[in-house]
Protein backbone atom coordinates (compact mmCIF):
# COMPACT_ATOMS: atom_id res chain seq x y z
CA UNK A 1 60.81 -61.32 -30.05
CA UNK A 2 57.65 -59.87 -28.53
CA UNK A 3 58.03 -58.06 -25.22
CA UNK A 4 55.70 -59.06 -22.41
CA UNK A 5 53.00 -56.44 -21.72
CA UNK A 6 53.66 -54.36 -18.62
CA UNK A 7 50.38 -55.42 -16.97
CA UNK A 8 51.36 -59.08 -17.36
CA UNK A 9 54.73 -58.33 -15.73
CA UNK A 10 52.90 -56.59 -12.87
CA UNK A 11 50.52 -59.51 -12.33
CA UNK A 12 53.44 -61.91 -11.90
CA UNK A 13 54.89 -59.93 -9.00
CA UNK A 14 51.98 -58.51 -7.04
CA UNK A 15 48.23 -58.32 -6.52
CA UNK A 16 47.19 -55.68 -8.97
CA UNK A 17 44.42 -53.31 -10.04
CA UNK A 18 42.41 -56.24 -11.45
CA UNK A 19 42.43 -58.00 -8.10
CA UNK A 20 42.32 -55.84 -5.02
CA UNK A 21 40.04 -52.83 -5.59
CA UNK A 22 36.29 -52.71 -5.93
CA UNK A 23 35.80 -51.22 -9.40
CA UNK A 24 32.85 -48.86 -9.76
CA UNK A 25 30.77 -49.38 -12.91
CA UNK A 26 28.53 -46.69 -14.38
CA UNK A 27 25.09 -47.39 -15.85
CA UNK A 28 26.75 -47.12 -19.28
CA UNK A 29 29.43 -49.65 -18.26
CA UNK A 30 26.71 -52.06 -17.19
CA UNK A 31 24.92 -51.74 -20.54
CA UNK A 32 28.13 -52.15 -22.60
CA UNK A 33 29.37 -55.12 -20.59
CA UNK A 34 25.96 -56.85 -20.50
CA UNK A 35 25.65 -56.51 -24.28
CA UNK A 36 29.21 -57.69 -25.02
CA UNK A 37 29.46 -60.45 -22.41
CA UNK A 38 25.84 -61.60 -22.54
CA UNK A 39 25.55 -61.63 -18.73
CA UNK A 40 24.02 -59.35 -16.10
CA UNK A 41 25.30 -60.87 -12.85
CA UNK A 42 28.76 -59.30 -13.02
CA UNK A 43 28.14 -56.45 -10.56
CA UNK A 44 26.84 -55.91 -7.05
CA UNK A 45 26.06 -53.02 -4.72
CA UNK A 46 28.72 -52.86 -2.03
CA UNK A 47 30.11 -50.58 0.67
CA UNK A 48 33.87 -50.27 0.29
CA UNK A 49 36.08 -52.06 2.82
CA UNK A 50 38.53 -49.16 2.43
CA UNK A 51 37.51 -46.24 4.69
CA UNK A 52 39.59 -43.88 2.54
CA UNK A 53 37.16 -44.51 -0.30
CA UNK A 54 34.29 -43.07 1.72
CA UNK A 55 36.28 -39.83 2.09
CA UNK A 56 35.78 -38.19 -1.30
CA UNK A 57 36.37 -34.61 -0.20
CA UNK A 58 38.51 -33.92 -3.28
CA UNK A 59 35.56 -34.77 -5.53
CA UNK A 60 32.19 -33.90 -3.97
CA UNK A 61 30.43 -34.69 -7.26
CA UNK A 62 31.65 -38.31 -7.01
CA UNK A 63 30.59 -38.58 -3.38
CA UNK A 64 27.15 -37.15 -4.08
CA UNK A 65 26.42 -39.18 -7.22
CA UNK A 66 28.33 -42.47 -7.02
CA UNK A 67 27.90 -43.35 -3.35
CA UNK A 68 24.41 -44.37 -2.26
CA UNK A 69 22.88 -43.14 0.99
CA UNK A 70 24.38 -46.11 2.84
CA UNK A 71 27.80 -45.60 1.19
CA UNK A 72 27.37 -48.44 -1.30
CA UNK A 73 28.14 -48.27 -4.98
CA UNK A 74 27.80 -50.53 -8.01
CA UNK A 75 31.04 -52.52 -8.43
CA UNK A 76 32.33 -55.46 -10.43
CA UNK A 77 32.05 -58.80 -8.65
CA UNK A 78 35.16 -60.64 -7.54
CA UNK A 79 35.78 -64.36 -7.79
CA UNK A 80 36.41 -66.41 -4.63
CA UNK A 81 40.16 -65.75 -4.91
CA UNK A 82 39.63 -61.98 -5.15
CA UNK A 83 40.16 -61.48 -8.89
CA UNK A 84 37.86 -59.33 -10.99
CA UNK A 85 35.22 -61.56 -12.57
CA UNK A 86 36.57 -60.59 -16.01
CA UNK A 87 40.24 -61.29 -15.27
CA UNK A 88 41.52 -64.22 -17.33
CA UNK A 89 44.93 -65.84 -17.66
CA UNK A 90 45.96 -63.28 -20.30
CA UNK A 91 44.47 -60.22 -18.60
CA UNK A 92 41.09 -58.57 -18.98
CA UNK A 93 38.66 -60.59 -21.07
CA UNK A 94 36.75 -57.46 -22.06
CA UNK A 95 37.68 -55.46 -25.14
CA UNK A 96 39.08 -52.03 -24.32
CA UNK A 97 35.94 -50.21 -25.48
CA UNK A 98 33.81 -52.47 -23.25
CA UNK A 99 35.88 -52.21 -20.05
CA UNK A 100 34.61 -50.01 -17.22
CA UNK A 101 35.63 -46.39 -17.71
CA UNK A 102 37.42 -46.43 -14.34
CA UNK A 103 39.62 -49.29 -15.61
CA UNK A 104 40.32 -47.51 -18.87
CA UNK A 105 41.40 -44.39 -17.00
CA UNK A 106 43.79 -46.11 -14.61
CA UNK A 107 46.51 -45.04 -13.62
CA UNK A 108 45.28 -41.46 -14.03
CA UNK A 109 44.08 -39.70 -10.88
CA UNK A 110 41.09 -37.46 -11.54
CA UNK A 111 38.15 -35.56 -10.14
CA UNK A 112 35.16 -34.00 -11.85
CA UNK A 113 37.36 -30.96 -12.60
CA UNK A 114 39.85 -32.95 -14.67
CA UNK A 115 42.77 -35.32 -14.81
CA UNK A 116 45.75 -34.81 -12.54
CA UNK A 117 49.15 -34.15 -14.08
CA UNK A 118 50.61 -36.87 -11.85
CA UNK A 119 49.71 -40.53 -12.16
CA UNK A 120 48.33 -42.70 -9.37
CA UNK A 121 50.98 -44.52 -7.42
CA UNK A 122 49.53 -48.04 -7.85
CA UNK A 123 51.51 -49.16 -10.89
CA UNK A 124 54.87 -50.72 -9.99
CA UNK A 125 57.10 -48.46 -12.05
CA UNK A 126 60.12 -50.40 -10.79
CA UNK A 127 59.10 -53.11 -13.27
CA UNK A 128 59.51 -50.77 -16.24
CA UNK A 129 62.47 -51.42 -18.51
CA UNK A 130 65.20 -48.81 -18.44
CA UNK A 131 63.89 -45.68 -20.18
CA UNK A 132 60.39 -47.13 -20.58
CA UNK A 133 57.49 -44.71 -20.00
CA UNK A 134 54.54 -46.03 -17.96
CA UNK A 135 51.84 -44.67 -20.26
CA UNK A 136 53.59 -46.02 -23.34
CA UNK A 137 54.08 -49.39 -21.62
CA UNK A 138 50.37 -49.76 -20.93
CA UNK A 139 49.26 -48.25 -24.24
CA UNK A 140 47.68 -45.13 -22.75
CA UNK A 141 47.67 -41.53 -23.91
CA UNK A 142 46.25 -38.26 -22.62
CA UNK A 143 43.79 -37.83 -25.49
CA UNK A 144 42.03 -41.13 -24.76
CA UNK A 145 42.12 -40.41 -21.03
CA UNK A 146 40.47 -37.00 -21.56
CA UNK A 147 37.73 -38.59 -23.67
CA UNK A 148 37.11 -41.37 -21.15
CA UNK A 149 37.10 -38.84 -18.29
CA UNK A 150 34.36 -36.81 -20.01
CA UNK A 151 32.38 -39.98 -20.69
CA UNK A 152 32.79 -41.19 -17.09
CA UNK A 153 31.34 -38.01 -15.61
CA UNK A 154 28.54 -37.93 -18.20
CA UNK A 155 27.60 -41.46 -17.16
CA UNK A 156 27.90 -40.67 -13.45
CA UNK A 157 25.24 -38.00 -14.03
CA UNK A 158 22.88 -40.85 -15.01
CA UNK A 159 23.10 -42.33 -11.49
CA UNK A 160 20.44 -40.00 -10.08
CA UNK A 161 18.15 -40.57 -13.06
CA UNK A 162 18.06 -44.40 -13.00
CA UNK A 163 16.62 -46.35 -10.06
CA UNK A 164 19.31 -48.73 -8.75
CA UNK A 165 17.01 -51.72 -9.26
CA UNK A 166 17.14 -51.23 -13.04
CA UNK A 167 20.92 -51.24 -13.42
């Protein structure tokens, strides 16, 4: 009998990471998603509703390169009910290698300097089966996270090189 994926269990009990946050997308994310999905209207420039997001003192590189002069950033659009525009009944409709790097990295906390040893507190670990490890449950590992982290910050560096009207 196949066990239900942890993210599906989470979605049944709470609003989750595919619903509530505004997900930043890099210029590379935009290109990958546009190519794979065949659409370009999946993102918008938006100022975060969460004032904590504007406070990026732990990662000045992020603040200086991701946030525009008015505090806006390129994020995935949400549907009318608040879901990510790529969230389907069985989870994300994008293949793993097409998903935004920020999504691939979750639940790791990170800054330009590296990935934190502790995970973000957003995943409901109380839904894990006895003895189940969060990273194993969501199919994550540190090697992939390190690679995606490097790629994320390489793509963030493109922000200052590409006029926002092009991406």
